[in-house]
Protein backbone atom coordinates (compact mmCIF):
# COMPACT_ATOMS: atom_id res chain seq x y z
CA UNK A 1 -0.21 0.55 0.34
CA UNK A 2 1.69 3.33 -1.21
CA UNK A 3 -0.54 5.66 0.51
CA UNK A 4 -0.33 3.84 3.35
CA UNK A 5 3.09 3.90 3.50
CA UNK A 6 2.89 7.49 3.32
CA UNK A 7 0.94 7.64 5.59
CA UNK A 8 3.65 5.82 8.35
CA UNK A 9 5.93 8.03 7.30
CA UNK A 10 4.00 11.53 8.17
CA UNK A 11 2.91 9.73 11.38
CA UNK A 12 6.48 8.84 11.91
CA UNK A 13 7.81 12.59 11.26
CA UNK A 14 5.28 13.96 13.57
CA UNK A 15 6.01 12.22 16.31
CA UNK A 16 9.89 13.60 15.84
CA UNK A 17 8.70 16.23 15.89
CA UNK A 18 6.28 16.00 18.80
CA UNK A 19 9.63 14.38 21.36
CA UNK A 20 11.85 18.37 20.03
CA UNK A 21 8.77 19.91 21.01
CA UNK A 22 8.13 18.40 24.16
CA UNK A 23 11.89 18.90 25.52
CA UNK A 24 12.17 22.00 24.38
CA UNK A 25 8.95 23.18 26.42
CA UNK A 26 11.01 21.05 29.66
CA UNK A 27 14.01 22.87 29.18
CA UNK A 28 11.95 26.53 28.34
CA UNK A 29 10.33 25.61 32.24
CA UNK A 30 13.14 25.61 33.81
CA UNK A 31 14.82 28.38 32.38
CA UNK A 32 12.13 30.43 33.33
CA UNK A 33 12.12 29.31 37.06
CA UNK A 34 16.24 30.92 36.81
CA UNK A 35 15.21 33.46 34.57
CA UNK A 36 12.34 34.50 37.15
CA UNK A 37 14.36 33.97 40.47
CA UNK A 38 16.99 36.91 38.14
CA UNK A 39 14.08 39.22 37.92
CA UNK A 40 13.44 39.70 41.03
CA UNK A 41 17.27 39.58 42.17
CA UNK A 42 18.06 42.49 40.34
CA UNK A 43 14.86 45.01 41.56
CA UNK A 44 15.89 45.26 45.01
CA UNK A 45 19.73 47.09 43.82
CA UNK A 46 17.34 49.84 41.36
CA UNK A 47 15.11 50.18 44.34
CA UNK A 48 17.86 50.95 46.42
CA UNK A 49 20.24 53.27 44.16
CA UNK A 50 16.63 55.07 43.48
CA UNK A 51 15.95 56.26 47.30
CA UNK A 52 19.16 57.03 47.92
CA UNK A 53 19.22 59.87 44.57
CA UNK A 54 15.52 60.93 45.12
CA UNK A 55 17.06 61.50 48.65
CA UNK A 56 20.65 63.48 47.47
CA UNK A 57 17.62 65.86 45.17
CA UNK A 58 15.89 66.65 47.93
CA UNK A 59 18.95 67.57 49.99
CA UNK A 60 20.18 69.61 46.88
CA UNK A 61 16.96 70.88 45.13
CA UNK A 62 19.18 73.81 43.80
CA UNK A 63 21.11 71.37 41.35
CA UNK A 64 19.17 69.40 38.29
CA UNK A 65 20.83 66.84 37.15
CA UNK A 66 20.69 66.63 33.28
CA UNK A 67 18.86 63.34 33.41
CA UNK A 68 16.06 65.23 34.74
CA UNK A 69 16.13 68.19 32.11
CA UNK A 70 12.26 68.94 30.72
CA UNK A 71 10.95 71.78 28.66
CA UNK A 72 12.59 70.13 25.37
CA UNK A 73 11.28 69.39 21.97
CA UNK A 74 11.06 65.42 21.17
CA UNK A 75 12.57 66.46 18.26
CA UNK A 76 14.89 63.37 18.22
CA UNK A 77 14.35 60.46 20.07
CA UNK A 78 16.51 57.39 20.76
CA UNK A 79 14.98 53.68 21.08
CA UNK A 80 16.71 51.20 23.79
CA UNK A 81 14.64 48.03 22.13
CA UNK A 82 15.01 44.36 24.06
CA UNK A 83 14.20 41.51 22.15
CA UNK A 84 14.92 37.78 22.28
CA UNK A 85 18.28 36.20 20.10
CA UNK A 86 16.53 32.75 19.57
CA UNK A 87 12.73 32.37 18.38
CA UNK A 88 10.65 29.87 18.74
CA UNK A 89 8.28 31.95 21.35
CA UNK A 90 5.33 32.90 20.15
CA UNK A 91 4.36 36.50 19.13
CA UNK A 92 6.42 37.93 21.84
CA UNK A 93 8.97 39.70 19.52
CA UNK A 94 6.19 40.19 17.18
CA UNK A 95 4.34 42.37 19.45
CA UNK A 96 6.74 44.28 21.02
CA UNK A 97 8.48 45.51 17.40
CA UNK A 98 4.84 46.00 16.11
CA UNK A 99 4.77 48.23 19.03
CA UNK A 100 7.92 49.82 18.72
CA UNK A 101 7.00 50.88 14.67
CA UNK A 102 3.97 52.75 15.81
CA UNK A 103 5.86 55.12 18.07
CA UNK A 104 8.50 55.34 15.72
CA UNK A 105 5.85 55.71 13.13
CA UNK A 106 4.35 58.81 15.44
CA UNK A 107 7.76 60.65 15.99
CA UNK A 108 8.16 60.51 12.13
CA UNK A 109 4.58 61.64 11.58
CA UNK A 110 6.22 64.79 13.71
CA UNK A 111 8.96 65.24 11.84
CA UNK A 112 11.06 64.30 14.02
CA UNK A 113 14.48 62.12 14.09
CA UNK A 114 15.13 58.75 15.28
CA UNK A 115 18.17 56.47 16.44
CA UNK A 116 18.65 52.74 17.97
CA UNK A 117 20.37 50.66 20.03
CA UNK A 118 19.35 46.99 19.82
CA UNK A 119 19.88 44.48 22.63
CA UNK A 120 18.73 40.63 20.88
CA UNK A 121 19.34 39.43 17.47
CA UNK A 122 15.86 39.77 16.78
CA UNK A 123 15.18 43.56 17.19
CA UNK A 124 18.88 44.45 15.66
CA UNK A 125 17.79 42.13 12.36
CA UNK A 126 14.82 43.93 12.41
CA UNK A 127 15.73 47.40 12.80
CA UNK A 128 18.87 47.19 9.93
CA UNK A 129 15.01 45.12 7.99
CA UNK A 130 13.24 49.07 8.34
CA UNK A 131 16.31 51.13 7.66
CA UNK A 132 16.17 53.08 11.14
CA UNK A 133 19.52 54.11 12.42
CA UNK A 134 20.94 51.39 14.57
CA UNK A 135 24.12 53.20 16.35
CA UNK A 136 24.85 50.58 18.70
CA UNK A 137 24.02 47.00 19.22
CA UNK A 138 24.52 43.80 21.86
CA UNK A 139 23.71 40.20 20.75
CA UNK A 140 24.41 37.16 21.68
CA UNK A 141 23.50 38.07 25.45
CA UNK A 142 22.78 34.23 26.98
CA UNK A 143 20.75 32.60 29.17
CA UNK A 144 21.57 34.98 32.25
CA UNK A 145 22.59 38.36 31.16
CA UNK A 146 25.78 40.31 32.09
CA UNK A 147 25.62 43.57 33.02
CA UNK A 148 29.29 45.09 31.39
CA UNK A 149 27.32 43.82 27.91
CA UNK A 150 24.57 46.42 28.42
CA UNK A 151 26.75 49.13 29.81
CA UNK A 152 28.42 49.95 26.53
CA UNK A 153 25.24 50.39 23.69
CA UNK A 154 23.42 51.68 26.59
CA UNK A 155 26.02 53.92 27.48
CA UNK A 156 25.89 55.47 23.86
CA UNK A 157 22.31 56.30 23.89
CA UNK A 158 22.99 57.78 27.58
CA UNK A 159 26.01 59.98 26.11
CA UNK A 160 24.16 61.27 22.89
CA UNK A 161 21.27 62.52 25.76
CA UNK A 162 23.40 64.32 27.81
CA UNK A 163 24.93 65.94 24.78
CA UNK A 164 21.92 67.20 23.54
CA UNK A 165 21.93 65.12 20.30
CA UNK A 166 17.97 62.89 21.77
CA UNK A 167 15.19 64.73 23.47
CA UNK A 168 13.83 61.23 25.12
CA UNK A 169 14.92 57.96 24.82
CA UNK A 170 12.13 55.27 25.57
CA UNK A 171 13.18 51.60 26.65
CA UNK A 172 11.13 48.75 24.81
CA UNK A 173 10.91 45.16 26.27
CA UNK A 174 7.93 42.51 26.42
CA UNK A 175 7.13 42.88 30.49
CA UNK A 176 6.80 40.16 32.95
CA UNK A 177 3.18 39.18 34.28
CA UNK A 178 2.93 36.26 34.84
CA UNK A 179 3.57 32.55 32.91
CA UNK A 180 1.16 32.94 31.03
CA UNK A 181 0.93 36.56 30.20
CA UNK A 182 3.64 38.86 28.74
CA UNK A 183 3.04 43.24 27.76
CA UNK A 184 5.20 44.51 25.11
CA UNK A 185 6.47 48.20 27.00
CA UNK A 186 7.34 51.00 25.66
CA UNK A 187 7.98 53.36 28.80
CA UNK A 188 10.56 56.94 28.87
CA UNK A 189 13.65 56.09 30.46
CA UNK A 190 14.93 59.73 29.62
CA UNK A 191 14.35 62.30 31.17
CA UNK A 192 14.00 60.58 34.35
CA UNK A 193 10.58 61.91 35.35
CA UNK A 194 9.72 63.72 38.82
CA UNK A 195 7.75 60.73 39.84
CA UNK A 196 9.89 58.00 39.21
CA UNK A 197 11.74 59.80 42.09
CA UNK A 198 9.07 60.21 44.65
CA UNK A 199 9.42 58.24 47.82
CA UNK A 200 6.85 57.09 50.57
CA UNK A 201 7.14 58.06 53.89
CA UNK A 202 8.73 55.14 55.11
CA UNK A 203 11.19 55.41 52.59
CA UNK A 204 11.82 58.94 53.58
CA UNK A 205 12.14 57.34 57.48
CA UNK A 206 14.57 55.01 56.12
CA UNK A 207 16.89 57.14 53.96
CA UNK A 208 16.86 60.09 56.33
CA UNK A 209 20.69 60.13 56.61
CA UNK A 210 22.94 63.05 56.36
CA UNK A 211 25.75 62.94 53.53
CA UNK A 212 29.26 64.78 52.85
CA UNK A 213 30.05 64.77 49.50
CA UNK A 214 33.37 63.27 47.48
CA UNK A 215 34.61 65.16 45.33
CA UNK A 216 30.83 67.29 45.10
CA UNK A 217 27.01 66.96 45.30
CA UNK A 218 26.29 66.84 41.48
CA UNK A 219 29.12 64.76 40.61
CA UNK A 220 27.73 61.69 42.89
CA UNK A 221 24.35 62.56 42.16
CA UNK A 222 25.38 62.19 37.93
CA UNK A 223 27.07 59.17 38.82
CA UNK A 224 24.20 57.89 40.80
CA UNK A 225 21.15 58.54 38.11
CA UNK A 226 23.76 57.20 35.70
CA UNK A 227 23.87 53.44 37.38
CA UNK A 228 19.93 54.38 38.35
CA UNK A 229 19.55 54.17 34.48
CA UNK A 230 22.08 50.95 33.97
CA UNK A 231 20.10 49.06 36.58
CA UNK A 232 16.57 50.30 34.80
CA UNK A 233 18.26 48.61 30.67
CA UNK A 234 19.25 45.69 33.00
CA UNK A 235 15.85 45.10 34.33
CA UNK A 236 14.43 45.21 31.29
CA UNK A 237 16.41 42.77 29.66
CA UNK A 238 15.88 40.68 32.93
CA UNK A 239 12.08 41.12 32.38
CA UNK A 240 12.29 40.34 28.54
CA UNK A 241 13.96 36.94 29.28
CA UNK A 242 11.56 35.24 31.51
CA UNK A 243 9.01 36.81 29.30
CA UNK A 244 10.79 34.53 26.42
CA UNK A 245 11.35 31.40 28.62
CA UNK A 246 7.91 31.53 29.33
CA UNK A 247 6.38 32.70 25.87
CA UNK A 248 8.28 29.52 24.57
CA UNK A 249 7.41 27.10 27.05
CA UNK A 250 3.20 27.69 26.70
CA UNK A 251 4.38 27.83 22.49
CA UNK A 252 6.51 24.19 22.56
CA UNK A 253 3.64 22.69 25.00
CA UNK A 254 1.04 23.79 22.23
CA UNK A 255 2.71 22.68 19.11
CA UNK A 256 3.56 19.59 21.43
CA UNK A 257 -0.49 19.36 21.97
CA UNK A 258 -1.22 20.16 18.32
CA UNK A 259 1.26 17.16 17.11
CA UNK A 260 -0.11 14.71 19.40
CA UNK A 261 -3.80 16.19 17.92
CA UNK A 262 -1.93 15.66 14.46
CA UNK A 263 -0.75 11.90 14.74
CA UNK A 264 -4.41 10.97 17.00
CA UNK A 265 -5.35 11.89 12.72
CA UNK A 266 -3.52 10.61 10.85
CA UNK A 267 -3.96 7.39 12.28
CA UNK A 268 -7.35 7.48 12.42
CA UNK A 269 -6.75 8.50 8.38
CA UNK A 270 -4.83 5.39 8.31
CA UNK A 271 -6.61 2.68 9.77
CA UNK A 272 -9.10 4.14 7.29
CA UNK A 273 -7.30 3.56 4.05
CA UNK A 274 -5.81 -0.13 5.49
CA UNK A 275 -9.34 -1.24 6.38
CA UNK A 276 -11.01 0.16 2.31
CA UNK A 277 -7.86 -1.62 0.58
CA UNK A 278 -8.89 -5.15 2.90
CA UNK A 279 -12.29 -4.81 1.93
CA UNK A 280 -11.38 -3.74 -1.19
CA UNK A 281 -8.78 -7.39 -1.48
CA UNK A 282 -11.76 -9.78 -0.26
CA UNK A 283 -14.65 -8.50 -2.79
CA UNK A 284 -11.66 -9.50 -5.34
CA UNK A 285 -11.45 -12.83 -4.04
CA UNK A 286 -14.83 -13.04 -3.90
CA UNK A 287 -15.57 -12.33 -7.11
CA UNK A 288 -12.84 -13.98 -8.73
CA UNK A 289 -14.19 -17.25 -6.48
CA UNK A 290 -17.82 -17.13 -7.22
CA UNK A 291 -16.64 -16.43 -11.82
CA UNK A 292 -14.76 -19.76 -11.11
CA UNK A 293 -17.75 -22.07 -9.05
CA UNK A 294 -20.18 -20.16 -11.49
């Protein structure tokens, strides 16, 4: 049965695919837990810097960091686009890159110019395809992103903002909500809004110290704000990686389930084809016997 042989080949192929997707699902589940732990571990560092910087800023109201300048235009906008290095994670990259494209169109329609920093291979390739001005990039970060690899590309964007080449910088990434839900997020990184540095009553009490500055208050505040912005970028990468592993686990589970459904359908077709062939052979035998006996 040539048809039956072809169907058996398809069943075998889908079964092999199912084994691969099942293995990828289990690997993604393991990496997801580690990525979530890494994401949560990064949050206290950024909170600590934010509180110290907020207290210092209130203690020196006469100094305003260039990271917090306001009143400028938004003709030149920078985008830090965080994506994954690999695919097979559902619509994760598609959703965030669609949001980035819409935001870029808004800027361009208002007569603005765009510069971009790509973190992740998928975003880097996408920005090159649409002809965006990519001034720096970081790819192949692995499963555990290192801050040292991110500082260089992010600093290029920070320096451009401080020098006045950019009026605003947006951070684009996928925010981790839970295992089943991840949301594309575009938030303004620079200039830092005053709301980011507002302290609660408990935080004011906890960080209510007096400081001796060395060499001076502006230098200390600027350095702390630089570390804070870098921490926000690292947090975005950590959230994106947690979202990636969650999305990949869900996508591979769906692929495994679909493969099982397809195998069942192919087996049903194979059995029907085989039964039809057997019935046809029996009919031919009966017809031949009747012709001889007739």
